[in-house]
C-alpha atoms as a PDB file:
ATOM      1  CA  UNK A   1     126.223  12.774 205.773  1.00  0.00           C
ATOM      2  CA  UNK A   2     128.517  10.744 208.060  1.00  0.00           C
ATOM      3  CA  UNK A   3     128.212   7.045 208.804  1.00  0.00           C
ATOM      4  CA  UNK A   4     126.272   7.532 212.031  1.00  0.00           C
ATOM      5  CA  UNK A   5     123.695   9.744 210.310  1.00  0.00           C
ATOM      6  CA  UNK A   6     123.269   7.156 207.568  1.00  0.00           C
ATOM      7  CA  UNK A   7     122.647   4.368 210.071  1.00  0.00           C
ATOM      8  CA  UNK A   8     120.278   6.502 212.169  1.00  0.00           C
ATOM      9  CA  UNK A   9     118.344   7.371 209.015  1.00  0.00           C
ATOM     10  CA  UNK A  10     118.004   3.690 208.069  1.00  0.00           C
ATOM     11  CA  UNK A  11     116.917   2.662 211.559  1.00  0.00           C
ATOM     12  CA  UNK A  12     114.246   5.379 211.560  1.00  0.00           C
ATOM     13  CA  UNK A  13     113.101   4.180 208.142  1.00  0.00           C
ATOM     14  CA  UNK A  14     112.923   0.564 209.292  1.00  0.00           C
ATOM     15  CA  UNK A  15     110.922   1.510 212.372  1.00  0.00           C
ATOM     16  CA  UNK A  16     108.409   3.274 210.146  1.00  0.00           C
ATOM     17  CA  UNK A  17     108.325   0.809 207.241  1.00  0.00           C
ATOM     18  CA  UNK A  18     109.086  -2.603 208.759  1.00  0.00           C
ATOM     19  CA  UNK A  19     105.706  -3.964 207.657  1.00  0.00           C
ATOM     20  CA  UNK A  20     106.678  -3.471 203.993  1.00  0.00           C
ATOM     21  CA  UNK A  21     109.782  -5.641 204.554  1.00  0.00           C
ATOM     22  CA  UNK A  22     112.189  -3.396 202.558  1.00  0.00           C
ATOM     23  CA  UNK A  23     115.060  -5.245 200.904  1.00  0.00           C
ATOM     24  CA  UNK A  24     118.791  -4.564 200.920  1.00  0.00           C
ATOM     25  CA  UNK A  25     118.657  -2.667 197.612  1.00  0.00           C
ATOM     26  CA  UNK A  26     116.033  -0.243 198.923  1.00  0.00           C
ATOM     27  CA  UNK A  27     117.935   0.425 202.138  1.00  0.00           C
ATOM     28  CA  UNK A  28     121.241   0.890 200.327  1.00  0.00           C
ATOM     29  CA  UNK A  29     119.624   3.419 197.971  1.00  0.00           C
ATOM     30  CA  UNK A  30     118.245   5.411 200.900  1.00  0.00           C
ATOM     31  CA  UNK A  31     121.708   5.418 202.492  1.00  0.00           C
ATOM     32  CA  UNK A  32     123.292   6.499 199.215  1.00  0.00           C
ATOM     33  CA  UNK A  33     125.693   3.535 199.162  1.00  0.00           C
ATOM     34  CA  UNK A  34     126.257   0.373 197.178  1.00  0.00           C
ATOM     35  CA  UNK A  35     124.568  -2.737 198.582  1.00  0.00           C
ATOM     36  CA  UNK A  36     127.848  -4.343 199.692  1.00  0.00           C
ATOM     37  CA  UNK A  37     129.160  -1.124 201.270  1.00  0.00           C
ATOM     38  CA  UNK A  38     125.883  -0.503 203.080  1.00  0.00           C
ATOM     39  CA  UNK A  39     125.691  -4.095 204.343  1.00  0.00           C
ATOM     40  CA  UNK A  40     129.204  -3.875 205.829  1.00  0.00           C
ATOM     41  CA  UNK A  41     128.569  -0.451 207.357  1.00  0.00           C
ATOM     42  CA  UNK A  42     125.251  -1.388 208.957  1.00  0.00           C
ATOM     43  CA  UNK A  43     126.591  -4.695 210.303  1.00  0.00           C
ATOM     44  CA  UNK A  44     129.563  -2.907 211.887  1.00  0.00           C
ATOM     45  CA  UNK A  45     127.493  -0.193 213.555  1.00  0.00           C
ATOM     46  CA  UNK A  46     124.476  -2.257 214.645  1.00  0.00           C
ATOM     47  CA  UNK A  47     126.322  -5.547 215.317  1.00  0.00           C
ATOM     48  CA  UNK A  48     123.665  -7.373 213.239  1.00  0.00           C
ATOM     49  CA  UNK A  49     122.906  -7.490 209.527  1.00  0.00           C
ATOM     50  CA  UNK A  50     120.124  -5.288 208.085  1.00  0.00           C
ATOM     51  CA  UNK A  51     118.044  -8.436 207.517  1.00  0.00           C
ATOM     52  CA  UNK A  52     118.467  -9.610 211.101  1.00  0.00           C
ATOM     53  CA  UNK A  53     117.595  -6.153 212.424  1.00  0.00           C
ATOM     54  CA  UNK A  54     114.415  -6.086 210.332  1.00  0.00           C
ATOM     55  CA  UNK A  55     113.474  -9.559 211.550  1.00  0.00           C
ATOM     56  CA  UNK A  56     113.865  -8.411 215.145  1.00  0.00           C
ATOM     57  CA  UNK A  57     111.536  -5.476 214.472  1.00  0.00           C
ATOM     58  CA  UNK A  58     109.055  -7.790 212.739  1.00  0.00           C
ATOM     59  CA  UNK A  59     109.008 -10.316 215.568  1.00  0.00           C
ATOM     60  CA  UNK A  60     108.667  -7.569 218.183  1.00  0.00           C
ATOM     61  CA  UNK A  61     105.748  -5.963 216.335  1.00  0.00           C
ATOM     62  CA  UNK A  62     103.974  -9.305 216.026  1.00  0.00           C
ATOM     63  CA  UNK A  63     104.603 -10.056 219.689  1.00  0.00           C
ATOM     64  CA  UNK A  64     103.066  -6.721 220.728  1.00  0.00           C
ATOM     65  CA  UNK A  65      99.968  -7.413 218.619  1.00  0.00           C
ATOM     66  CA  UNK A  66      99.537 -10.869 220.101  1.00  0.00           C
ATOM     67  CA  UNK A  67      99.830  -9.490 223.618  1.00  0.00           C
ATOM     68  CA  UNK A  68      97.117  -6.953 222.777  1.00  0.00           C
ATOM     69  CA  UNK A  69      94.821  -9.812 221.792  1.00  0.00           C
ATOM     70  CA  UNK A  70      95.282  -9.948 218.009  1.00  0.00           C
ATOM     71  CA  UNK A  71      94.944 -13.314 216.305  1.00  0.00           C
ATOM     72  CA  UNK A  72      98.087 -15.086 215.127  1.00  0.00           C
ATOM     73  CA  UNK A  73      97.013 -14.582 211.519  1.00  0.00           C
ATOM     74  CA  UNK A  74      96.368 -10.839 211.961  1.00  0.00           C
ATOM     75  CA  UNK A  75      99.663 -10.376 213.792  1.00  0.00           C
ATOM     76  CA  UNK A  76     101.549 -12.120 210.985  1.00  0.00           C
ATOM     77  CA  UNK A  77      99.903 -10.205 208.153  1.00  0.00           C
ATOM     78  CA  UNK A  78     100.134  -6.824 209.896  1.00  0.00           C
ATOM     79  CA  UNK A  79     103.851  -7.443 210.461  1.00  0.00           C
ATOM     80  CA  UNK A  80     104.418  -7.812 206.731  1.00  0.00           C
ATOM     81  CA  UNK A  81     104.656 -11.606 206.730  1.00  0.00           C
ATOM     82  CA  UNK A  82     102.773 -13.860 204.325  1.00  0.00           C
ATOM     83  CA  UNK A  83     100.980 -15.715 207.113  1.00  0.00           C
ATOM     84  CA  UNK A  84     101.324 -17.425 210.508  1.00  0.00           C
ATOM     85  CA  UNK A  85     103.864 -19.949 209.263  1.00  0.00           C
ATOM     86  CA  UNK A  86     106.333 -17.219 208.282  1.00  0.00           C
ATOM     87  CA  UNK A  87     106.467 -15.681 211.767  1.00  0.00           C
ATOM     88  CA  UNK A  88     108.228 -18.595 213.381  1.00  0.00           C
ATOM     89  CA  UNK A  89     110.183 -19.342 210.180  1.00  0.00           C
ATOM     90  CA  UNK A  90     112.513 -16.624 211.454  1.00  0.00           C
ATOM     91  CA  UNK A  91     113.729 -19.365 213.781  1.00  0.00           C
ATOM     92  CA  UNK A  92     112.625 -22.686 212.297  1.00  0.00           C
ATOM     93  CA  UNK A  93     112.204 -23.930 208.738  1.00  0.00           C
ATOM     94  CA  UNK A  94     109.264 -26.330 208.850  1.00  0.00           C
ATOM     95  CA  UNK A  95     108.380 -28.662 205.975  1.00  0.00           C
ATOM     96  CA  UNK A  96     105.478 -31.077 205.676  1.00  0.00           C
ATOM     97  CA  UNK A  97     106.142 -34.637 204.584  1.00  0.00           C
ATOM     98  CA  UNK A  98     104.478 -35.743 201.369  1.00  0.00           C
ATOM     99  CA  UNK A  99     101.889 -38.548 201.491  1.00  0.00           C
ATOM    100  CA  UNK A 100     104.460 -40.819 199.875  1.00  0.00           C
ATOM    101  CA  UNK A 101     107.039 -40.072 202.545  1.00  0.00           C
ATOM    102  CA  UNK A 102     104.529 -40.792 205.286  1.00  0.00           C
ATOM    103  CA  UNK A 103     103.441 -44.055 203.674  1.00  0.00           C
ATOM    104  CA  UNK A 104     107.021 -45.261 203.124  1.00  0.00           C
ATOM    105  CA  UNK A 105     107.731 -45.136 206.895  1.00  0.00           C
ATOM    106  CA  UNK A 106     111.278 -44.014 206.165  1.00  0.00           C
ATOM    107  CA  UNK A 107     112.172 -46.656 203.576  1.00  0.00           C
ATOM    108  CA  UNK A 108     115.541 -45.793 202.051  1.00  0.00           C
ATOM    109  CA  UNK A 109     116.207 -43.163 204.701  1.00  0.00           C
ATOM    110  CA  UNK A 110     119.006 -42.911 207.220  1.00  0.00           C
ATOM    111  CA  UNK A 111     117.764 -41.471 210.484  1.00  0.00           C
ATOM    112  CA  UNK A 112     120.002 -40.420 213.352  1.00  0.00           C
ATOM    113  CA  UNK A 113     118.393 -40.682 216.775  1.00  0.00           C
ATOM    114  CA  UNK A 114     119.488 -40.442 220.367  1.00  0.00           C
ATOM    115  CA  UNK A 115     118.601 -39.580 223.935  1.00  0.00           C
ATOM    116  CA  UNK A 116     119.637 -36.333 225.584  1.00  0.00           C
ATOM    117  CA  UNK A 117     119.127 -34.356 228.765  1.00  0.00           C
ATOM    118  CA  UNK A 118     117.045 -31.221 228.289  1.00  0.00           C
ATOM    119  CA  UNK A 119     115.769 -28.410 230.475  1.00  0.00           C
ATOM    120  CA  UNK A 120     112.595 -30.453 230.944  1.00  0.00           C
ATOM    121  CA  UNK A 121     113.901 -33.993 231.327  1.00  0.00           C
ATOM    122  CA  UNK A 122     115.245 -36.797 229.174  1.00  0.00           C
ATOM    123  CA  UNK A 123     114.198 -36.490 225.546  1.00  0.00           C
ATOM    124  CA  UNK A 124     114.431 -38.383 222.291  1.00  0.00           C
ATOM    125  CA  UNK A 125     115.510 -36.486 219.174  1.00  0.00           C
ATOM    126  CA  UNK A 126     115.677 -37.859 215.631  1.00  0.00           C
ATOM    127  CA  UNK A 127     116.933 -36.289 212.434  1.00  0.00           C
ATOM    128  CA  UNK A 128     116.251 -37.479 208.879  1.00  0.00           C
ATOM    129  CA  UNK A 129     117.006 -36.276 205.333  1.00  0.00           C
ATOM    130  CA  UNK A 130     114.493 -33.419 205.676  1.00  0.00           C
ATOM    131  CA  UNK A 131     115.523 -32.305 209.154  1.00  0.00           C
ATOM    132  CA  UNK A 132     114.383 -33.046 212.711  1.00  0.00           C
ATOM    133  CA  UNK A 133     111.501 -35.504 212.450  1.00  0.00           C
ATOM    134  CA  UNK A 134     110.802 -36.509 216.052  1.00  0.00           C
ATOM    135  CA  UNK A 135     111.150 -35.023 219.536  1.00  0.00           C
ATOM    136  CA  UNK A 136     109.478 -36.324 222.646  1.00  0.00           C
ATOM    137  CA  UNK A 137     110.132 -36.689 226.345  1.00  0.00           C
ATOM    138  CA  UNK A 138     111.061 -40.317 226.934  1.00  0.00           C
ATOM    139  CA  UNK A 139     114.054 -42.460 227.890  1.00  0.00           C
ATOM    140  CA  UNK A 140     113.716 -44.871 224.944  1.00  0.00           C
ATOM    141  CA  UNK A 141     114.346 -44.647 221.182  1.00  0.00           C
ATOM    142  CA  UNK A 142     111.509 -47.100 220.548  1.00  0.00           C
ATOM    143  CA  UNK A 143     109.037 -44.399 219.336  1.00  0.00           C
ATOM    144  CA  UNK A 144     111.350 -43.554 216.430  1.00  0.00           C
ATOM    145  CA  UNK A 145     111.913 -47.216 215.618  1.00  0.00           C
ATOM    146  CA  UNK A 146     108.149 -47.686 215.516  1.00  0.00           C
ATOM    147  CA  UNK A 147     107.327 -44.501 213.586  1.00  0.00           C
ATOM    148  CA  UNK A 148     110.071 -44.970 210.984  1.00  0.00           C
ATOM    149  CA  UNK A 149     110.314 -48.757 211.030  1.00  0.00           C
ATOM    150  CA  UNK A 150     111.626 -49.072 207.465  1.00  0.00           C
ATOM    151  CA  UNK A 151     114.485 -46.601 207.910  1.00  0.00           C
ATOM    152  CA  UNK A 152     118.077 -47.352 208.797  1.00  0.00           C
ATOM    153  CA  UNK A 153     118.387 -45.884 212.274  1.00  0.00           C
ATOM    154  CA  UNK A 154     121.735 -44.846 213.742  1.00  0.00           C
ATOM    155  CA  UNK A 155     121.749 -44.352 217.513  1.00  0.00           C
ATOM    156  CA  UNK A 156     123.936 -41.388 218.443  1.00  0.00           C
ATOM    157  CA  UNK A 157     123.423 -39.909 221.902  1.00  0.00           C
ATOM    158  CA  UNK A 158     126.345 -37.495 221.494  1.00  0.00           C
ATOM    159  CA  UNK A 159     124.679 -35.935 218.442  1.00  0.00           C
ATOM    160  CA  UNK A 160     121.376 -35.808 220.322  1.00  0.00           C
ATOM    161  CA  UNK A 161     122.973 -33.851 223.172  1.00  0.00           C
ATOM    162  CA  UNK A 162     124.250 -31.247 220.705  1.00  0.00           C
ATOM    163  CA  UNK A 163     120.878 -31.098 218.952  1.00  0.00           C
ATOM    164  CA  UNK A 164     119.080 -30.616 222.275  1.00  0.00           C
ATOM    165  CA  UNK A 165     121.207 -27.544 223.003  1.00  0.00           C
ATOM    166  CA  UNK A 166     119.832 -25.951 219.817  1.00  0.00           C
ATOM    167  CA  UNK A 167     116.231 -27.054 220.296  1.00  0.00           C
ATOM    168  CA  UNK A 168     116.048 -25.843 223.894  1.00  0.00           C
ATOM    169  CA  UNK A 169     118.224 -22.782 223.381  1.00  0.00           C
ATOM    170  CA  UNK A 170     117.243 -19.560 225.166  1.00  0.00           C
ATOM    171  CA  UNK A 171     117.943 -17.711 221.882  1.00  0.00           C
ATOM    172  CA  UNK A 172     116.623 -19.958 219.073  1.00  0.00           C
ATOM    173  CA  UNK A 173     116.639 -17.169 216.499  1.00  0.00           C
ATOM    174  CA  UNK A 174     120.410 -16.838 216.558  1.00  0.00           C
ATOM    175  CA  UNK A 175     122.458 -18.694 213.983  1.00  0.00           C
ATOM    176  CA  UNK A 176     121.088 -20.752 211.091  1.00  0.00           C
ATOM    177  CA  UNK A 177     117.408 -21.761 211.304  1.00  0.00           C
ATOM    178  CA  UNK A 178     116.633 -25.281 212.436  1.00  0.00           C
ATOM    179  CA  UNK A 179     115.124 -27.562 209.797  1.00  0.00           C
ATOM    180  CA  UNK A 180     112.229 -29.790 210.790  1.00  0.00           C
ATOM    181  CA  UNK A 181     109.762 -32.085 209.061  1.00  0.00           C
ATOM    182  CA  UNK A 182     106.252 -32.963 210.209  1.00  0.00           C
ATOM    183  CA  UNK A 183     103.854 -35.689 209.154  1.00  0.00           C
ATOM    184  CA  UNK A 184     100.186 -34.822 209.234  1.00  0.00           C
ATOM    185  CA  UNK A 185      97.079 -33.814 207.350  1.00  0.00           C
ATOM    186  CA  UNK A 186      96.806 -30.375 205.776  1.00  0.00           C
ATOM    187  CA  UNK A 187      94.642 -29.286 208.701  1.00  0.00           C
ATOM    188  CA  UNK A 188      97.120 -30.556 211.293  1.00  0.00           C
ATOM    189  CA  UNK A 189     100.052 -28.870 209.558  1.00  0.00           C
ATOM    190  CA  UNK A 190      98.088 -25.607 209.444  1.00  0.00           C
ATOM    191  CA  UNK A 191      97.482 -25.828 213.190  1.00  0.00           C
ATOM    192  CA  UNK A 192     101.138 -26.612 213.893  1.00  0.00           C
ATOM    193  CA  UNK A 193     102.292 -23.649 211.805  1.00  0.00           C
ATOM    194  CA  UNK A 194      99.948 -21.381 213.736  1.00  0.00           C
ATOM    195  CA  UNK A 195     101.342 -22.786 216.989  1.00  0.00           C
ATOM    196  CA  UNK A 196     104.838 -21.838 215.884  1.00  0.00           C
ATOM    197  CA  UNK A 197     103.749 -18.214 215.534  1.00  0.00           C
ATOM    198  CA  UNK A 198     103.031 -17.939 219.268  1.00  0.00           C
ATOM    199  CA  UNK A 199     106.021 -16.202 220.918  1.00  0.00           C
ATOM    200  CA  UNK A 200     107.664 -17.647 224.058  1.00  0.00           C
ATOM    201  CA  UNK A 201     105.987 -16.388 227.207  1.00  0.00           C
ATOM    202  CA  UNK A 202     102.637 -15.997 225.418  1.00  0.00           C
ATOM    203  CA  UNK A 203      99.623 -18.294 225.795  1.00  0.00           C
ATOM    204  CA  UNK A 204      96.616 -18.785 223.545  1.00  0.00           C
ATOM    205  CA  UNK A 205      93.440 -20.886 223.607  1.00  0.00           C
ATOM    206  CA  UNK A 206      92.116 -23.582 221.306  1.00  0.00           C
ATOM    207  CA  UNK A 207      89.350 -21.213 220.247  1.00  0.00           C
ATOM    208  CA  UNK A 208      91.717 -18.405 219.298  1.00  0.00           C
ATOM    209  CA  UNK A 209      93.960 -20.869 217.501  1.00  0.00           C
ATOM    210  CA  UNK A 210      90.939 -22.053 215.503  1.00  0.00           C
ATOM    211  CA  UNK A 211      90.156 -18.446 214.577  1.00  0.00           C
ATOM    212  CA  UNK A 212      93.770 -17.880 213.564  1.00  0.00           C
ATOM    213  CA  UNK A 213      93.604 -20.593 210.901  1.00  0.00           C
ATOM    214  CA  UNK A 214      90.242 -19.406 209.633  1.00  0.00           C
ATOM    215  CA  UNK A 215      88.214 -22.178 211.269  1.00  0.00           C
ATOM    216  CA  UNK A 216      86.183 -20.514 214.044  1.00  0.00           C
ATOM    217  CA  UNK A 217      84.175 -23.079 215.943  1.00  0.00           C
ATOM    218  CA  UNK A 218      86.701 -25.854 215.266  1.00  0.00           C
ATOM    219  CA  UNK A 219      88.337 -25.656 218.696  1.00  0.00           C
ATOM    220  CA  UNK A 220      87.813 -29.372 219.361  1.00  0.00           C
ATOM    221  CA  UNK A 221      89.421 -30.376 216.056  1.00  0.00           C
ATOM    222  CA  UNK A 222      92.275 -27.956 216.748  1.00  0.00           C
ATOM    223  CA  UNK A 223      92.777 -29.563 220.150  1.00  0.00           C
ATOM    224  CA  UNK A 224      93.047 -32.986 218.516  1.00  0.00           C
ATOM    225  CA  UNK A 225      95.621 -31.670 216.034  1.00  0.00           C
ATOM    226  CA  UNK A 226      97.617 -30.080 218.848  1.00  0.00           C
ATOM    227  CA  UNK A 227      97.728 -33.444 220.628  1.00  0.00           C
ATOM    228  CA  UNK A 228      99.165 -35.135 217.512  1.00  0.00           C
ATOM    229  CA  UNK A 229     102.291 -32.976 217.519  1.00  0.00           C
ATOM    230  CA  UNK A 230     105.433 -35.141 217.217  1.00  0.00           C
ATOM    231  CA  UNK A 231     107.943 -32.341 217.770  1.00  0.00           C
ATOM    232  CA  UNK A 232     107.686 -31.606 221.482  1.00  0.00           C
ATOM    233  CA  UNK A 233     108.688 -28.070 222.504  1.00  0.00           C
ATOM    234  CA  UNK A 234     109.901 -27.195 218.991  1.00  0.00           C
ATOM    235  CA  UNK A 235     106.256 -26.905 217.962  1.00  0.00           C
ATOM    236  CA  UNK A 236     105.004 -25.259 221.167  1.00  0.00           C
ATOM    237  CA  UNK A 237     101.734 -27.043 221.910  1.00  0.00           C
ATOM    238  CA  UNK A 238     102.476 -26.268 225.578  1.00  0.00           C
ATOM    239  CA  UNK A 239     101.463 -22.638 224.894  1.00  0.00           C
ATOM    240  CA  UNK A 240      97.792 -23.568 224.420  1.00  0.00           C
ATOM    241  CA  UNK A 241      95.412 -23.462 227.378  1.00  0.00           C
ATOM    242  CA  UNK A 242      91.669 -23.880 227.890  1.00  0.00           C
ATOM    243  CA  UNK A 243      89.245 -20.988 227.416  1.00  0.00           C
ATOM    244  CA  UNK A 244      88.779 -20.884 231.199  1.00  0.00           C
ATOM    245  CA  UNK A 245      92.465 -20.120 231.683  1.00  0.00           C
ATOM    246  CA  UNK A 246      93.224 -23.557 233.104  1.00  0.00           C
ATOM    247  CA  UNK A 247      96.577 -24.964 231.943  1.00  0.00           C
ATOM    248  CA  UNK A 248      94.991 -28.311 231.080  1.00  0.00           C
ATOM    249  CA  UNK A 249      96.563 -31.643 230.256  1.00  0.00           C
ATOM    250  CA  UNK A 250      99.692 -32.234 228.208  1.00  0.00           C
ATOM    251  CA  UNK A 251     100.834 -35.248 226.245  1.00  0.00           C
ATOM    252  CA  UNK A 252     104.096 -35.359 228.174  1.00  0.00           C
ATOM    253  CA  UNK A 253     102.722 -34.461 231.601  1.00  0.00           C
ATOM    254  CA  UNK A 254     100.861 -31.504 233.063  1.00  0.00           C
ATOM    255  CA  UNK A 255     103.744 -30.657 235.408  1.00  0.00           C
ATOM    256  CA  UNK A 256     106.143 -30.457 232.469  1.00  0.00           C
ATOM    257  CA  UNK A 257     103.764 -28.082 230.673  1.00  0.00           C
ATOM    258  CA  UNK A 258     103.581 -25.876 233.760  1.00  0.00           C
ATOM    259  CA  UNK A 259     107.382 -25.853 234.003  1.00  0.00           C
ATOM    260  CA  UNK A 260     107.677 -24.839 230.346  1.00  0.00           C
ATOM    261  CA  UNK A 261     105.206 -21.970 230.578  1.00  0.00           C
ATOM    262  CA  UNK A 262     106.784 -20.683 233.797  1.00  0.00           C
ATOM    263  CA  UNK A 263     110.270 -20.924 232.295  1.00  0.00           C
ATOM    264  CA  UNK A 264     109.273 -18.991 229.171  1.00  0.00           C
ATOM    265  CA  UNK A 265     107.362 -16.385 231.148  1.00  0.00           C
ATOM    266  CA  UNK A 266     110.463 -15.678 233.211  1.00  0.00           C
ATOM    267  CA  UNK A 267     112.576 -15.359 230.059  1.00  0.00           C
ATOM    268  CA  UNK A 268     110.152 -12.923 228.438  1.00  0.00           C
ATOM    269  CA  UNK A 269     110.199 -10.797 231.585  1.00  0.00           C
ATOM    270  CA  UNK A 270     113.983 -10.454 231.537  1.00  0.00           C
END
């Protein structure tokens, strides 16, 4: 068996067994090679690592299910992921702040914050010890100073510009995952994780989001949680619309929400 036949065999296997999330050892055994040899061979032929290739298949399968009307939870589980939060973890590592961290208001922390130009206007980005902790569309750093009033805040617009390039990247799954931290109740965090499972170019409703987290009938509470999101765009609350299909309001402006959904729809069509 030559190298091409080995790679073709593995790709066929991954297409058929992606939902079981096979590891490197399993794939190397099927190819009849050591793990290190197989990893080098696959990366050279496919231009991505076996893990990255599997993640692409996983995300694509989940996306197809969502487009067919499956819930976020069903799409995640059927794709071999542990739940909605894992789907978007391919791109973003999201952690929830502990009650103590929320109560301390950043005491003892050093937070870097700055203003940057983004695809959707001027934005404020802040980064703390646990990752990005604040993003919103504004021309002032005052929201961070208010939210984390006990922290030592360093204003760095140059850093913010570089961070904005990653946050608003057309290909967020490339490179190392972004780290972010959110502050909210267990229910709010559950809603935000479900939001992160919605692929770009796809819209959902408050009702379907409620079903996805196992709380059918809680659409109003879900809507409130969506409105409390402090990581604009990174947690895509702009992908939620009303049951009637109307875009609806948006914390940072209805026009901005329309621009975001149109932008992502065009990208997904490319």
